[in-house]
C-alpha atoms as a PDB file:
ATOM      1  CA  UNK A   1       2.865 -19.700  -7.561  1.00  0.00           C
ATOM      2  CA  UNK A   2       5.044 -21.316  -4.908  1.00  0.00           C
ATOM      3  CA  UNK A   3       4.575 -20.602  -1.203  1.00  0.00           C
ATOM      4  CA  UNK A   4       7.923 -21.900   0.067  1.00  0.00           C
ATOM      5  CA  UNK A   5       9.507 -20.484   3.205  1.00  0.00           C
ATOM      6  CA  UNK A   6      13.133 -20.491   4.302  1.00  0.00           C
ATOM      7  CA  UNK A   7      14.024 -19.971   7.962  1.00  0.00           C
ATOM      8  CA  UNK A   8      17.522 -18.630   8.533  1.00  0.00           C
ATOM      9  CA  UNK A   9      19.031 -17.055  11.654  1.00  0.00           C
ATOM     10  CA  UNK A  10      21.489 -14.161  11.551  1.00  0.00           C
ATOM     11  CA  UNK A  11      24.831 -14.206  13.342  1.00  0.00           C
ATOM     12  CA  UNK A  12      24.939 -10.421  13.674  1.00  0.00           C
ATOM     13  CA  UNK A  13      24.998  -9.149  17.237  1.00  0.00           C
ATOM     14  CA  UNK A  14      22.573  -6.395  18.190  1.00  0.00           C
ATOM     15  CA  UNK A  15      25.360  -5.026  20.388  1.00  0.00           C
ATOM     16  CA  UNK A  16      27.400  -4.303  17.265  1.00  0.00           C
ATOM     17  CA  UNK A  17      24.635  -2.423  15.413  1.00  0.00           C
ATOM     18  CA  UNK A  18      25.471   1.158  14.415  1.00  0.00           C
ATOM     19  CA  UNK A  19      21.814   2.151  14.724  1.00  0.00           C
ATOM     20  CA  UNK A  20      19.022   0.806  16.914  1.00  0.00           C
ATOM     21  CA  UNK A  21      15.563   2.246  17.574  1.00  0.00           C
ATOM     22  CA  UNK A  22      12.184   1.053  18.837  1.00  0.00           C
ATOM     23  CA  UNK A  23       9.229   2.192  16.729  1.00  0.00           C
ATOM     24  CA  UNK A  24       6.053   2.493  18.848  1.00  0.00           C
ATOM     25  CA  UNK A  25       2.805   0.954  17.637  1.00  0.00           C
ATOM     26  CA  UNK A  26       1.038   3.197  15.155  1.00  0.00           C
ATOM     27  CA  UNK A  27       4.091   5.362  14.445  1.00  0.00           C
ATOM     28  CA  UNK A  28       6.126   5.864  11.249  1.00  0.00           C
ATOM     29  CA  UNK A  29       9.890   5.522  10.774  1.00  0.00           C
ATOM     30  CA  UNK A  30      12.017   6.695   7.830  1.00  0.00           C
ATOM     31  CA  UNK A  31      15.745   6.487   7.084  1.00  0.00           C
ATOM     32  CA  UNK A  32      18.276   5.799   4.321  1.00  0.00           C
ATOM     33  CA  UNK A  33      19.931   2.374   4.387  1.00  0.00           C
ATOM     34  CA  UNK A  34      23.249   2.661   2.559  1.00  0.00           C
ATOM     35  CA  UNK A  35      24.521   0.126   0.067  1.00  0.00           C
ATOM     36  CA  UNK A  36      26.049  -2.864   1.829  1.00  0.00           C
ATOM     37  CA  UNK A  37      24.440  -2.127   5.174  1.00  0.00           C
ATOM     38  CA  UNK A  38      22.311  -4.750   6.901  1.00  0.00           C
ATOM     39  CA  UNK A  39      18.824  -3.804   8.082  1.00  0.00           C
ATOM     40  CA  UNK A  40      16.755  -5.815  10.574  1.00  0.00           C
ATOM     41  CA  UNK A  41      13.145  -5.400  11.694  1.00  0.00           C
ATOM     42  CA  UNK A  42      12.269  -7.191  14.943  1.00  0.00           C
ATOM     43  CA  UNK A  43       8.724  -8.113  16.011  1.00  0.00           C
ATOM     44  CA  UNK A  44       9.299  -7.446  19.706  1.00  0.00           C
ATOM     45  CA  UNK A  45       6.099  -8.853  21.195  1.00  0.00           C
ATOM     46  CA  UNK A  46       4.834 -11.006  18.321  1.00  0.00           C
ATOM     47  CA  UNK A  47       1.856 -10.869  15.960  1.00  0.00           C
ATOM     48  CA  UNK A  48       2.630  -7.335  14.794  1.00  0.00           C
ATOM     49  CA  UNK A  49       2.581  -6.059  11.199  1.00  0.00           C
ATOM     50  CA  UNK A  50       5.296  -3.717   9.917  1.00  0.00           C
ATOM     51  CA  UNK A  51       4.093  -2.111   6.667  1.00  0.00           C
ATOM     52  CA  UNK A  52       7.199  -1.076   4.730  1.00  0.00           C
ATOM     53  CA  UNK A  53       8.056   0.870   1.578  1.00  0.00           C
ATOM     54  CA  UNK A  54      11.453   0.896  -0.168  1.00  0.00           C
ATOM     55  CA  UNK A  55      12.830   3.367  -2.732  1.00  0.00           C
ATOM     56  CA  UNK A  56      16.032   3.947  -4.626  1.00  0.00           C
ATOM     57  CA  UNK A  57      17.355   6.716  -2.365  1.00  0.00           C
ATOM     58  CA  UNK A  58      18.483   8.751  -5.392  1.00  0.00           C
ATOM     59  CA  UNK A  59      15.375   8.273  -7.547  1.00  0.00           C
ATOM     60  CA  UNK A  60      12.025   7.858  -5.804  1.00  0.00           C
ATOM     61  CA  UNK A  61      10.366   6.812  -9.053  1.00  0.00           C
ATOM     62  CA  UNK A  62      12.422   3.605  -8.819  1.00  0.00           C
ATOM     63  CA  UNK A  63      10.598   1.880  -5.960  1.00  0.00           C
ATOM     64  CA  UNK A  64       9.680  -1.536  -4.614  1.00  0.00           C
ATOM     65  CA  UNK A  65       7.493  -3.489  -7.034  1.00  0.00           C
ATOM     66  CA  UNK A  66       5.414  -6.386  -5.706  1.00  0.00           C
ATOM     67  CA  UNK A  67       4.684  -7.572  -9.257  1.00  0.00           C
ATOM     68  CA  UNK A  68       8.331  -7.715 -10.327  1.00  0.00           C
ATOM     69  CA  UNK A  69       9.416  -9.303  -7.052  1.00  0.00           C
ATOM     70  CA  UNK A  70       6.788 -12.058  -7.261  1.00  0.00           C
ATOM     71  CA  UNK A  71       7.553 -12.679 -10.937  1.00  0.00           C
ATOM     72  CA  UNK A  72      11.307 -12.899 -10.314  1.00  0.00           C
ATOM     73  CA  UNK A  73      11.104 -15.394  -7.461  1.00  0.00           C
ATOM     74  CA  UNK A  74       7.897 -17.262  -8.410  1.00  0.00           C
ATOM     75  CA  UNK A  75       6.717 -17.030  -4.800  1.00  0.00           C
ATOM     76  CA  UNK A  76       3.829 -14.977  -3.426  1.00  0.00           C
ATOM     77  CA  UNK A  77       5.515 -14.701  -0.030  1.00  0.00           C
ATOM     78  CA  UNK A  78       8.837 -13.132   0.917  1.00  0.00           C
ATOM     79  CA  UNK A  79      11.451 -15.124   2.832  1.00  0.00           C
ATOM     80  CA  UNK A  80      15.199 -15.745   3.078  1.00  0.00           C
ATOM     81  CA  UNK A  81      16.825 -15.339  -0.322  1.00  0.00           C
ATOM     82  CA  UNK A  82      14.121 -13.083  -1.741  1.00  0.00           C
ATOM     83  CA  UNK A  83      15.463 -10.217  -3.818  1.00  0.00           C
ATOM     84  CA  UNK A  84      13.250  -7.155  -3.500  1.00  0.00           C
ATOM     85  CA  UNK A  85      12.961  -5.834  -7.040  1.00  0.00           C
ATOM     86  CA  UNK A  86      12.212  -2.235  -7.987  1.00  0.00           C
ATOM     87  CA  UNK A  87       9.925  -0.893 -10.698  1.00  0.00           C
ATOM     88  CA  UNK A  88      13.079  -0.197 -12.726  1.00  0.00           C
ATOM     89  CA  UNK A  89      14.201  -3.832 -12.502  1.00  0.00           C
ATOM     90  CA  UNK A  90      16.899  -3.157  -9.908  1.00  0.00           C
ATOM     91  CA  UNK A  91      17.549  -5.168  -6.756  1.00  0.00           C
ATOM     92  CA  UNK A  92      16.877  -2.903  -3.776  1.00  0.00           C
ATOM     93  CA  UNK A  93      17.593  -5.367  -0.967  1.00  0.00           C
ATOM     94  CA  UNK A  94      18.070  -9.089  -0.418  1.00  0.00           C
ATOM     95  CA  UNK A  95      16.553 -10.910   2.560  1.00  0.00           C
ATOM     96  CA  UNK A  96      19.512 -12.669   4.183  1.00  0.00           C
ATOM     97  CA  UNK A  97      17.887 -13.938   7.395  1.00  0.00           C
ATOM     98  CA  UNK A  98      14.320 -14.620   8.446  1.00  0.00           C
ATOM     99  CA  UNK A  99      13.082 -16.295  11.635  1.00  0.00           C
ATOM    100  CA  UNK A 100       9.403 -15.678  10.897  1.00  0.00           C
ATOM    101  CA  UNK A 101       9.255 -17.677   7.667  1.00  0.00           C
ATOM    102  CA  UNK A 102       7.125 -15.635   5.323  1.00  0.00           C
ATOM    103  CA  UNK A 103       5.912 -12.089   4.751  1.00  0.00           C
ATOM    104  CA  UNK A 104       3.034 -10.636   2.759  1.00  0.00           C
ATOM    105  CA  UNK A 105       3.409  -8.483  -0.345  1.00  0.00           C
ATOM    106  CA  UNK A 106      -0.215  -8.586  -1.575  1.00  0.00           C
ATOM    107  CA  UNK A 107      -2.449  -7.213   1.197  1.00  0.00           C
ATOM    108  CA  UNK A 108      -1.439  -3.552   0.928  1.00  0.00           C
ATOM    109  CA  UNK A 109      -1.691  -0.924   3.651  1.00  0.00           C
ATOM    110  CA  UNK A 110      -4.783  -0.057   5.663  1.00  0.00           C
ATOM    111  CA  UNK A 111      -6.311   3.350   4.941  1.00  0.00           C
ATOM    112  CA  UNK A 112      -9.233   5.297   6.339  1.00  0.00           C
ATOM    113  CA  UNK A 113     -11.115   4.546   3.115  1.00  0.00           C
ATOM    114  CA  UNK A 114     -10.436   0.793   3.223  1.00  0.00           C
ATOM    115  CA  UNK A 115     -11.386   0.685   6.907  1.00  0.00           C
ATOM    116  CA  UNK A 116     -14.801   2.066   5.959  1.00  0.00           C
ATOM    117  CA  UNK A 117     -15.265  -0.398   3.098  1.00  0.00           C
ATOM    118  CA  UNK A 118     -14.006  -3.482   4.926  1.00  0.00           C
ATOM    119  CA  UNK A 119     -15.409  -2.842   8.387  1.00  0.00           C
ATOM    120  CA  UNK A 120     -17.834   0.049   9.013  1.00  0.00           C
ATOM    121  CA  UNK A 121     -18.404   3.721   8.172  1.00  0.00           C
ATOM    122  CA  UNK A 122     -17.592   4.749  11.736  1.00  0.00           C
ATOM    123  CA  UNK A 123     -14.084   3.255  11.361  1.00  0.00           C
ATOM    124  CA  UNK A 124     -13.158   6.162   9.069  1.00  0.00           C
ATOM    125  CA  UNK A 125     -11.566   8.129  11.895  1.00  0.00           C
ATOM    126  CA  UNK A 126      -9.300   5.349  13.106  1.00  0.00           C
ATOM    127  CA  UNK A 127      -5.600   5.797  12.410  1.00  0.00           C
ATOM    128  CA  UNK A 128      -4.258   3.805   9.440  1.00  0.00           C
ATOM    129  CA  UNK A 129      -0.925   2.975   7.795  1.00  0.00           C
ATOM    130  CA  UNK A 130      -1.570   5.203   4.797  1.00  0.00           C
ATOM    131  CA  UNK A 131      -1.673   8.176   7.174  1.00  0.00           C
ATOM    132  CA  UNK A 132       1.625   7.111   8.735  1.00  0.00           C
ATOM    133  CA  UNK A 133       3.256   6.872   5.308  1.00  0.00           C
ATOM    134  CA  UNK A 134       2.013  10.373   4.437  1.00  0.00           C
ATOM    135  CA  UNK A 135       3.301  11.708   7.773  1.00  0.00           C
ATOM    136  CA  UNK A 136       6.732  10.182   7.146  1.00  0.00           C
ATOM    137  CA  UNK A 137       6.881  11.600   3.594  1.00  0.00           C
ATOM    138  CA  UNK A 138       6.034  15.086   4.857  1.00  0.00           C
ATOM    139  CA  UNK A 139       8.602  14.886   7.634  1.00  0.00           C
ATOM    140  CA  UNK A 140      11.272  13.653   5.226  1.00  0.00           C
ATOM    141  CA  UNK A 141      10.616  16.207   2.476  1.00  0.00           C
ATOM    142  CA  UNK A 142      13.491  16.160  -0.037  1.00  0.00           C
ATOM    143  CA  UNK A 143      11.111  15.675  -2.968  1.00  0.00           C
ATOM    144  CA  UNK A 144       9.171  12.751  -1.464  1.00  0.00           C
ATOM    145  CA  UNK A 145       5.418  13.307  -1.560  1.00  0.00           C
ATOM    146  CA  UNK A 146       2.069  11.540  -1.205  1.00  0.00           C
ATOM    147  CA  UNK A 147       2.185  10.737  -4.935  1.00  0.00           C
ATOM    148  CA  UNK A 148       5.228   8.519  -4.339  1.00  0.00           C
ATOM    149  CA  UNK A 149       3.369   6.174  -1.977  1.00  0.00           C
ATOM    150  CA  UNK A 150       2.748   2.816  -3.591  1.00  0.00           C
ATOM    151  CA  UNK A 151       2.186  -0.875  -2.800  1.00  0.00           C
ATOM    152  CA  UNK A 152       4.049  -1.987   0.285  1.00  0.00           C
ATOM    153  CA  UNK A 153       5.425  -5.063   2.013  1.00  0.00           C
ATOM    154  CA  UNK A 154       3.712  -6.281   5.204  1.00  0.00           C
ATOM    155  CA  UNK A 155       6.505  -7.851   7.224  1.00  0.00           C
ATOM    156  CA  UNK A 156       5.243 -10.490   9.702  1.00  0.00           C
ATOM    157  CA  UNK A 157       1.657 -10.234   8.417  1.00  0.00           C
ATOM    158  CA  UNK A 158      -0.232 -13.411   7.537  1.00  0.00           C
ATOM    159  CA  UNK A 159      -2.334 -12.853   4.406  1.00  0.00           C
ATOM    160  CA  UNK A 160      -3.547 -16.173   3.062  1.00  0.00           C
ATOM    161  CA  UNK A 161      -4.201 -16.667  -0.658  1.00  0.00           C
ATOM    162  CA  UNK A 162      -7.315 -18.830  -1.018  1.00  0.00           C
ATOM    163  CA  UNK A 163      -7.709 -21.506  -3.726  1.00  0.00           C
ATOM    164  CA  UNK A 164     -10.106 -19.123  -5.477  1.00  0.00           C
ATOM    165  CA  UNK A 165      -7.452 -16.392  -5.598  1.00  0.00           C
ATOM    166  CA  UNK A 166      -8.872 -14.269  -2.797  1.00  0.00           C
ATOM    167  CA  UNK A 167      -7.016 -12.838   0.195  1.00  0.00           C
ATOM    168  CA  UNK A 168      -7.850 -13.317   3.871  1.00  0.00           C
ATOM    169  CA  UNK A 169      -6.234 -11.589   6.848  1.00  0.00           C
ATOM    170  CA  UNK A 170      -5.393 -14.240   9.432  1.00  0.00           C
ATOM    171  CA  UNK A 171      -3.780 -14.438  12.840  1.00  0.00           C
ATOM    172  CA  UNK A 172      -0.045 -13.773  12.553  1.00  0.00           C
ATOM    173  CA  UNK A 173       2.608 -16.455  12.154  1.00  0.00           C
ATOM    174  CA  UNK A 174       5.256 -14.389  13.935  1.00  0.00           C
ATOM    175  CA  UNK A 175       6.197 -14.452  17.612  1.00  0.00           C
ATOM    176  CA  UNK A 176       8.119 -12.355  20.167  1.00  0.00           C
ATOM    177  CA  UNK A 177      11.639 -11.625  18.938  1.00  0.00           C
ATOM    178  CA  UNK A 178      11.116 -12.921  15.401  1.00  0.00           C
ATOM    179  CA  UNK A 179      12.913 -10.840  12.782  1.00  0.00           C
ATOM    180  CA  UNK A 180      13.689 -10.308   9.137  1.00  0.00           C
ATOM    181  CA  UNK A 181      17.112  -9.055   8.038  1.00  0.00           C
ATOM    182  CA  UNK A 182      18.080  -7.567   4.670  1.00  0.00           C
ATOM    183  CA  UNK A 183      21.220  -6.422   2.879  1.00  0.00           C
ATOM    184  CA  UNK A 184      20.898  -3.186   0.909  1.00  0.00           C
ATOM    185  CA  UNK A 185      22.105  -3.677  -2.665  1.00  0.00           C
ATOM    186  CA  UNK A 186      21.967   0.070  -3.311  1.00  0.00           C
ATOM    187  CA  UNK A 187      21.279   3.183  -1.234  1.00  0.00           C
ATOM    188  CA  UNK A 188      17.663   2.633  -0.169  1.00  0.00           C
ATOM    189  CA  UNK A 189      15.126   4.889   1.507  1.00  0.00           C
ATOM    190  CA  UNK A 190      12.998   2.799   3.884  1.00  0.00           C
ATOM    191  CA  UNK A 191       9.674   3.845   5.396  1.00  0.00           C
ATOM    192  CA  UNK A 192       7.885   1.797   8.057  1.00  0.00           C
ATOM    193  CA  UNK A 193       4.354   2.237   9.301  1.00  0.00           C
ATOM    194  CA  UNK A 194       4.125   0.164  12.452  1.00  0.00           C
ATOM    195  CA  UNK A 195       0.529  -0.835  11.783  1.00  0.00           C
ATOM    196  CA  UNK A 196      -2.181   0.489  14.155  1.00  0.00           C
ATOM    197  CA  UNK A 197      -4.933  -1.729  12.721  1.00  0.00           C
ATOM    198  CA  UNK A 198      -7.514  -2.873  15.296  1.00  0.00           C
ATOM    199  CA  UNK A 199     -10.137  -4.391  12.993  1.00  0.00           C
ATOM    200  CA  UNK A 200      -8.460  -7.601  11.814  1.00  0.00           C
ATOM    201  CA  UNK A 201      -6.106 -10.111  13.455  1.00  0.00           C
ATOM    202  CA  UNK A 202      -2.916  -8.931  11.681  1.00  0.00           C
ATOM    203  CA  UNK A 203      -1.807  -7.401  15.023  1.00  0.00           C
ATOM    204  CA  UNK A 204      -3.758  -9.725  17.283  1.00  0.00           C
ATOM    205  CA  UNK A 205      -6.057  -6.711  17.808  1.00  0.00           C
ATOM    206  CA  UNK A 206      -3.265  -5.262  19.946  1.00  0.00           C
ATOM    207  CA  UNK A 207      -0.623  -3.216  18.050  1.00  0.00           C
ATOM    208  CA  UNK A 208       2.834  -3.418  19.634  1.00  0.00           C
ATOM    209  CA  UNK A 209       6.322  -1.933  19.015  1.00  0.00           C
ATOM    210  CA  UNK A 210       8.928  -3.149  16.546  1.00  0.00           C
ATOM    211  CA  UNK A 211      12.658  -2.515  16.605  1.00  0.00           C
ATOM    212  CA  UNK A 212      14.935  -1.574  13.731  1.00  0.00           C
ATOM    213  CA  UNK A 213      18.691  -2.191  13.653  1.00  0.00           C
ATOM    214  CA  UNK A 214      21.388  -1.331  11.104  1.00  0.00           C
ATOM    215  CA  UNK A 215      24.910  -2.730  10.709  1.00  0.00           C
ATOM    216  CA  UNK A 216      27.654  -1.323   8.505  1.00  0.00           C
ATOM    217  CA  UNK A 217      29.123  -3.395   5.638  1.00  0.00           C
ATOM    218  CA  UNK A 218      31.749  -5.835   6.812  1.00  0.00           C
ATOM    219  CA  UNK A 219      30.476  -5.825  10.381  1.00  0.00           C
ATOM    220  CA  UNK A 220      31.675  -8.940  12.161  1.00  0.00           C
ATOM    221  CA  UNK A 221      28.884 -11.305  13.199  1.00  0.00           C
ATOM    222  CA  UNK A 222      28.922 -12.337  16.856  1.00  0.00           C
ATOM    223  CA  UNK A 223      27.372 -15.056  18.931  1.00  0.00           C
ATOM    224  CA  UNK A 224      26.269 -12.702  21.736  1.00  0.00           C
ATOM    225  CA  UNK A 225      23.182 -11.312  19.994  1.00  0.00           C
ATOM    226  CA  UNK A 226      20.545 -10.002  22.409  1.00  0.00           C
END
């Protein structure tokens, strides 16, 4: 499998976004991104991991598929140009800009159970992304439940595939202000768990906020992005 990356800056101005919100470390975020809208996640302080799930907003059984996405692009990492494919073979979103370079789609989300297995029994009571996803699903309602939670994307997270086929969690490759921007190819429900993990270097052992921005279709890019 290839591991190519493709850096690309966006010309969209944050001042022109129709929606903008900071998601604190350890907190969930959920919202529908409408077809044609542009959706950006910003790593505000660097070395943060934004665990993210995507669904067809009108059919939650049609959801992001890591297997289909990797197969379609022949790349184990996500970067500019990646089409995020659903379990039904549909394109949910396309990454149109990326200043980080690559994003993980293999490492999954931390859970209380995995914290115990990977680190120590006493880590069971530490907050984890799986809990944030469940919290977001409950808050959203509308037919979304714990059973709909599946494999996620880890934006900004550095999970290295070893020559033997194993996975290692390494210090992040992102930095303050790095971002990934996507265009919704259909109405998409997005859920973010801004990862609270303290046991591996995916957050630099210091979880920090991320910011999410949304632009409407046809929004005019500007050079005064801040």
